[in-house]
Amino acid sequence: MQDQSVTVAIVDDHESVRLGIRAACQEQGFEVVAATASVSELWVQLAGRGCDVVVLDLSLGDGFTVTENVQHVRSMGAAVLVHSIADRVLLVREALAAGAGGVIPKSAPAGTVMAAVATLAAGGVLNNLEWASAIDADPEFGRAQLAQRERDVLHLYASGLPLSQVALKLGIKVSTAKEYLDRIRAKYVEVGRPARSKVELLRRAMEDGILAIDERGHVR
């Protein structure tokens, strides 16, 4: 059934892909408001107009990270449908963490892509078993992407040191150490692994290989 209310934009650096998705959208009755090779071009073309869903490729070669592109699209008020090839699991993980609403492989039939667009436009979420299986098989999925200083803070704090001692050992202010700790907790929340207590932080640090406990119960 046609739905003239759904507006779609396409961001892919391959013209043939843009043309193919545009044709499928038009056949479905969706309105294609823009089709560009980069998110920056999309911003210019939309010129402040709204859009329900942006079908976004992950490998644009535009100098921006996946996180930056997804967040930029989200800032325009659109849902993000990632349209990617099947060996991009790490990039898919990053896109989902950044707020993408779903993922469809480029091998999927056009009808599947259009159904995904309709789902996201209606405020729904995708449950794509193919990608879920790929992500579950990836040992890196769900691991918080901590910077080295954040890892240092987590290692010392989860080892049992009070925050004041963590700050002293790292040569930083206690307030700075707390900021790092807040950032660490936020990153674990983002990947669906909250760590509210010190015990939970210890568990996350062990799960992610940031610290380990030897047979005598000593942290290393």
Protein backbone atom coordinates (compact mmCIF):
# COMPACT_ATOMS: atom_id res chain seq x y z
CA MET A 1 0.00 0.00 0.00
CA GLN A 2 1.32 3.40 -0.89
CA ASP A 3 2.13 5.90 1.86
CA GLN A 4 2.75 9.41 0.59
CA SER A 5 3.55 10.63 4.10
CA VAL A 6 6.92 8.86 4.31
CA THR A 7 9.88 11.00 3.29
CA VAL A 8 13.23 9.34 2.58
CA ALA A 9 16.76 10.53 1.89
CA ILE A 10 19.56 8.35 0.53
CA VAL A 11 23.25 8.74 1.33
CA ASP A 12 25.58 6.46 -0.63
CA ASP A 13 28.69 7.27 -2.64
CA HIS A 14 27.67 4.88 -5.43
CA GLU A 15 25.25 6.45 -7.89
CA SER A 16 23.84 3.07 -8.95
CA VAL A 17 22.84 2.33 -5.35
CA ARG A 18 21.20 5.74 -4.98
CA LEU A 19 19.27 5.23 -8.19
CA GLY A 20 18.16 1.74 -7.17
CA ILE A 21 16.87 2.80 -3.76
CA ARG A 22 15.21 5.88 -5.24
CA ALA A 23 13.34 3.72 -7.77
CA ALA A 24 12.23 1.29 -5.05
CA CYS A 25 11.03 4.16 -2.86
CA GLN A 26 9.09 5.75 -5.69
CA GLU A 27 7.47 2.42 -6.54
CA GLN A 28 6.46 2.06 -2.89
CA GLY A 29 5.00 5.57 -2.90
CA PHE A 30 7.61 7.12 -0.60
CA GLU A 31 8.85 10.61 -1.34
CA VAL A 32 12.61 10.83 -1.92
CA VAL A 33 13.62 14.30 -0.76
CA ALA A 34 17.39 13.95 -1.37
CA ALA A 35 19.98 11.50 -2.68
CA THR A 36 23.60 12.41 -2.01
CA ALA A 37 27.10 10.96 -1.77
CA SER A 38 27.74 12.31 1.75
CA VAL A 39 25.95 13.48 4.88
CA SER A 40 27.41 16.96 4.37
CA GLU A 41 25.77 17.15 0.94
CA LEU A 42 22.53 15.90 2.47
CA TRP A 43 22.60 18.73 5.01
CA VAL A 44 22.95 21.26 2.19
CA GLN A 45 20.23 19.68 0.04
CA LEU A 46 17.69 19.44 2.84
CA ALA A 47 18.33 23.05 3.87
CA GLY A 48 16.44 22.64 7.10
CA ARG A 49 13.60 20.53 5.73
CA GLY A 50 12.53 17.46 7.68
CA CYS A 51 12.91 13.83 6.66
CA ASP A 52 11.55 10.63 8.19
CA VAL A 53 14.29 8.14 7.31
CA VAL A 54 17.79 8.38 5.91
CA VAL A 55 19.14 5.24 4.22
CA LEU A 56 22.84 5.50 5.04
CA ASP A 57 25.87 3.64 3.72
CA LEU A 58 28.65 3.12 6.27
CA SER A 59 31.71 3.39 4.03
CA LEU A 60 31.43 6.82 2.46
CA GLY A 61 35.10 7.82 2.39
CA ASP A 62 34.10 11.38 3.29
CA GLY A 63 36.56 11.84 6.14
CA PHE A 64 33.92 11.48 8.86
CA THR A 65 33.48 8.57 11.25
CA VAL A 66 30.39 6.40 11.28
CA THR A 67 29.47 7.89 14.66
CA GLU A 68 29.75 11.43 13.33
CA ASN A 69 27.61 10.67 10.28
CA VAL A 70 24.90 8.85 12.23
CA GLN A 71 24.73 11.55 14.90
CA HIS A 72 24.62 14.27 12.25
CA VAL A 73 21.67 12.58 10.55
CA ARG A 74 19.95 12.08 13.90
CA SER A 75 20.40 15.79 14.61
CA MET A 76 18.28 16.46 11.51
CA GLY A 77 15.42 14.59 13.19
CA ALA A 78 15.57 11.54 10.91
CA ALA A 79 15.76 7.85 11.76
CA VAL A 80 18.84 6.11 10.35
CA LEU A 81 18.58 2.90 8.34
CA VAL A 82 22.07 1.53 7.81
CA HIS A 83 22.42 -0.08 4.38
CA SER A 84 25.71 -1.97 4.34
CA ILE A 85 27.50 -5.02 3.03
CA ALA A 86 27.81 -8.09 5.22
CA ASP A 87 31.46 -7.76 6.31
CA ARG A 88 31.03 -4.43 8.09
CA VAL A 89 30.16 -5.78 11.55
CA LEU A 90 32.48 -3.40 13.42
CA LEU A 91 31.04 -0.39 11.61
CA VAL A 92 27.51 -1.66 12.21
CA ARG A 93 28.25 -1.89 15.92
CA GLU A 94 29.49 1.70 15.89
CA ALA A 95 26.41 2.87 13.97
CA LEU A 96 24.01 1.20 16.39
CA ALA A 97 25.85 2.65 19.38
CA ALA A 98 25.56 6.08 17.76
CA GLY A 99 21.78 5.77 17.43
CA ALA A 100 21.01 4.05 14.12
CA GLY A 101 17.54 2.55 14.18
CA GLY A 102 18.29 -0.58 12.20
CA VAL A 103 20.48 -2.35 9.68
CA ILE A 104 19.71 -3.90 6.33
CA PRO A 105 22.40 -5.71 4.29
CA LYS A 106 22.89 -4.57 0.71
CA SER A 107 22.12 -8.12 -0.38
CA ALA A 108 18.53 -7.76 0.88
CA PRO A 109 15.69 -7.54 -1.67
CA ALA A 110 14.30 -4.08 -2.36
CA GLY A 111 11.02 -5.03 -0.71
CA THR A 112 12.85 -5.82 2.53
CA VAL A 113 14.58 -2.45 2.44
CA MET A 114 11.27 -0.67 1.86
CA ALA A 115 9.62 -2.56 4.72
CA ALA A 116 12.48 -1.47 6.98
CA VAL A 117 12.03 2.15 5.89
CA ALA A 118 8.31 1.95 6.69
CA THR A 119 9.02 0.44 10.10
CA LEU A 120 11.46 3.17 11.09
CA ALA A 121 9.25 5.91 9.68
CA ALA A 122 6.44 4.66 11.92
CA GLY A 123 8.72 4.88 14.95
CA GLY A 124 9.40 1.16 15.15
CA VAL A 125 12.66 -0.77 15.50
CA LEU A 126 14.13 -3.47 13.30
CA ASN A 127 14.74 -7.03 14.40
CA ASN A 128 17.09 -8.31 11.74
CA LEU A 129 18.20 -11.83 12.60
CA GLU A 130 21.03 -11.91 10.06
CA TRP A 131 22.75 -8.91 11.59
CA ALA A 132 21.92 -9.93 15.13
CA SER A 133 23.69 -13.24 14.51
CA ALA A 134 26.70 -11.52 12.99
CA ILE A 135 26.96 -9.12 15.91
CA ASP A 136 26.52 -11.85 18.50
CA ALA A 137 29.36 -13.76 16.84
CA ASP A 138 31.64 -10.73 17.10
CA PRO A 139 33.55 -10.85 20.41
CA GLU A 140 34.11 -7.08 20.21
CA PHE A 141 30.40 -6.24 20.13
CA GLY A 142 29.21 -4.60 23.32
CA ARG A 143 32.71 -3.70 24.42
CA ALA A 144 32.88 -0.09 25.56
CA GLN A 145 35.37 1.84 23.45
CA LEU A 146 37.50 3.34 26.21
CA ALA A 147 40.40 5.71 25.60
CA GLN A 148 43.74 4.75 27.18
CA ARG A 149 43.38 7.18 30.10
CA GLU A 150 39.86 5.91 30.75
CA ARG A 151 41.25 2.36 30.82
CA ASP A 152 43.92 3.49 33.28
CA VAL A 153 41.33 5.04 35.58
CA LEU A 154 39.08 1.99 35.37
CA HIS A 155 41.97 -0.40 36.05
CA LEU A 156 43.06 1.43 39.20
CA TYR A 157 39.58 2.18 40.51
CA ALA A 158 38.19 -1.30 39.86
CA SER A 159 41.32 -2.75 41.50
CA GLY A 160 40.11 -1.26 44.77
CA LEU A 161 41.78 2.14 45.04
CA PRO A 162 39.70 5.12 46.19
CA LEU A 163 39.26 7.85 43.60
CA SER A 164 41.70 10.12 45.44
CA GLN A 165 44.46 7.50 45.10
CA VAL A 166 43.60 6.93 41.44
CA ALA A 167 44.03 10.65 40.83
CA LEU A 168 47.33 10.72 42.76
CA LYS A 169 48.79 7.78 40.83
CA LEU A 170 47.83 9.31 37.49
CA GLY A 171 48.87 12.85 38.43
CA ILE A 172 45.44 14.33 37.83
CA LYS A 173 42.86 16.14 39.96
CA VAL A 174 40.24 14.13 41.83
CA SER A 175 37.55 16.04 39.90
CA THR A 176 39.21 14.99 36.63
CA ALA A 177 39.34 11.36 37.75
CA LYS A 178 35.63 11.56 38.56
CA GLU A 179 34.92 12.98 35.10
CA TYR A 180 36.74 10.01 33.57
CA LEU A 181 34.75 7.63 35.74
CA ASP A 182 31.46 9.26 34.75
CA ARG A 183 32.48 8.99 31.11
CA ILE A 184 33.36 5.31 31.54
CA ARG A 185 29.98 4.57 33.10
CA ALA A 186 28.21 6.46 30.29
CA LYS A 187 30.04 4.43 27.65
CA TYR A 188 29.01 1.16 29.30
CA VAL A 189 25.40 2.35 29.39
CA GLU A 190 25.64 3.15 25.65
CA VAL A 191 26.55 -0.46 24.83
CA GLY A 192 23.84 -1.89 27.09
CA ARG A 193 26.16 -2.95 29.94
CA PRO A 194 25.54 -0.51 32.78
CA ALA A 195 28.08 -0.42 35.61
CA ARG A 196 26.59 1.64 38.41
CA SER A 197 28.57 0.17 41.33
CA LYS A 198 32.27 -0.45 41.89
CA VAL A 199 31.61 -4.20 41.80
CA GLU A 200 29.93 -3.87 38.40
CA LEU A 201 32.85 -1.80 37.14
CA LEU A 202 35.21 -4.55 38.30
CA ARG A 203 33.12 -7.11 36.42
CA ARG A 204 33.13 -5.00 33.23
CA ALA A 205 36.89 -4.44 33.47
CA MET A 206 37.43 -8.19 33.77
CA GLU A 207 35.02 -8.97 30.93
CA ASP A 208 36.84 -6.54 28.64
CA GLY A 209 40.34 -7.67 29.60
CA ILE A 210 41.27 -4.39 31.29
CA LEU A 211 42.27 -6.24 34.44
CA ALA A 212 42.41 -9.84 35.62
CA ILE A 213 42.37 -11.72 38.91
CA ASP A 214 45.05 -14.37 39.48
CA GLU A 215 44.58 -17.66 41.33
CA ARG A 216 45.41 -15.95 44.65
CA GLY A 217 42.72 -13.32 44.11
CA HIS A 218 45.17 -10.55 43.31
CA VAL A 219 44.42 -7.98 40.64
CA ARG A 220 46.88 -7.80 37.78
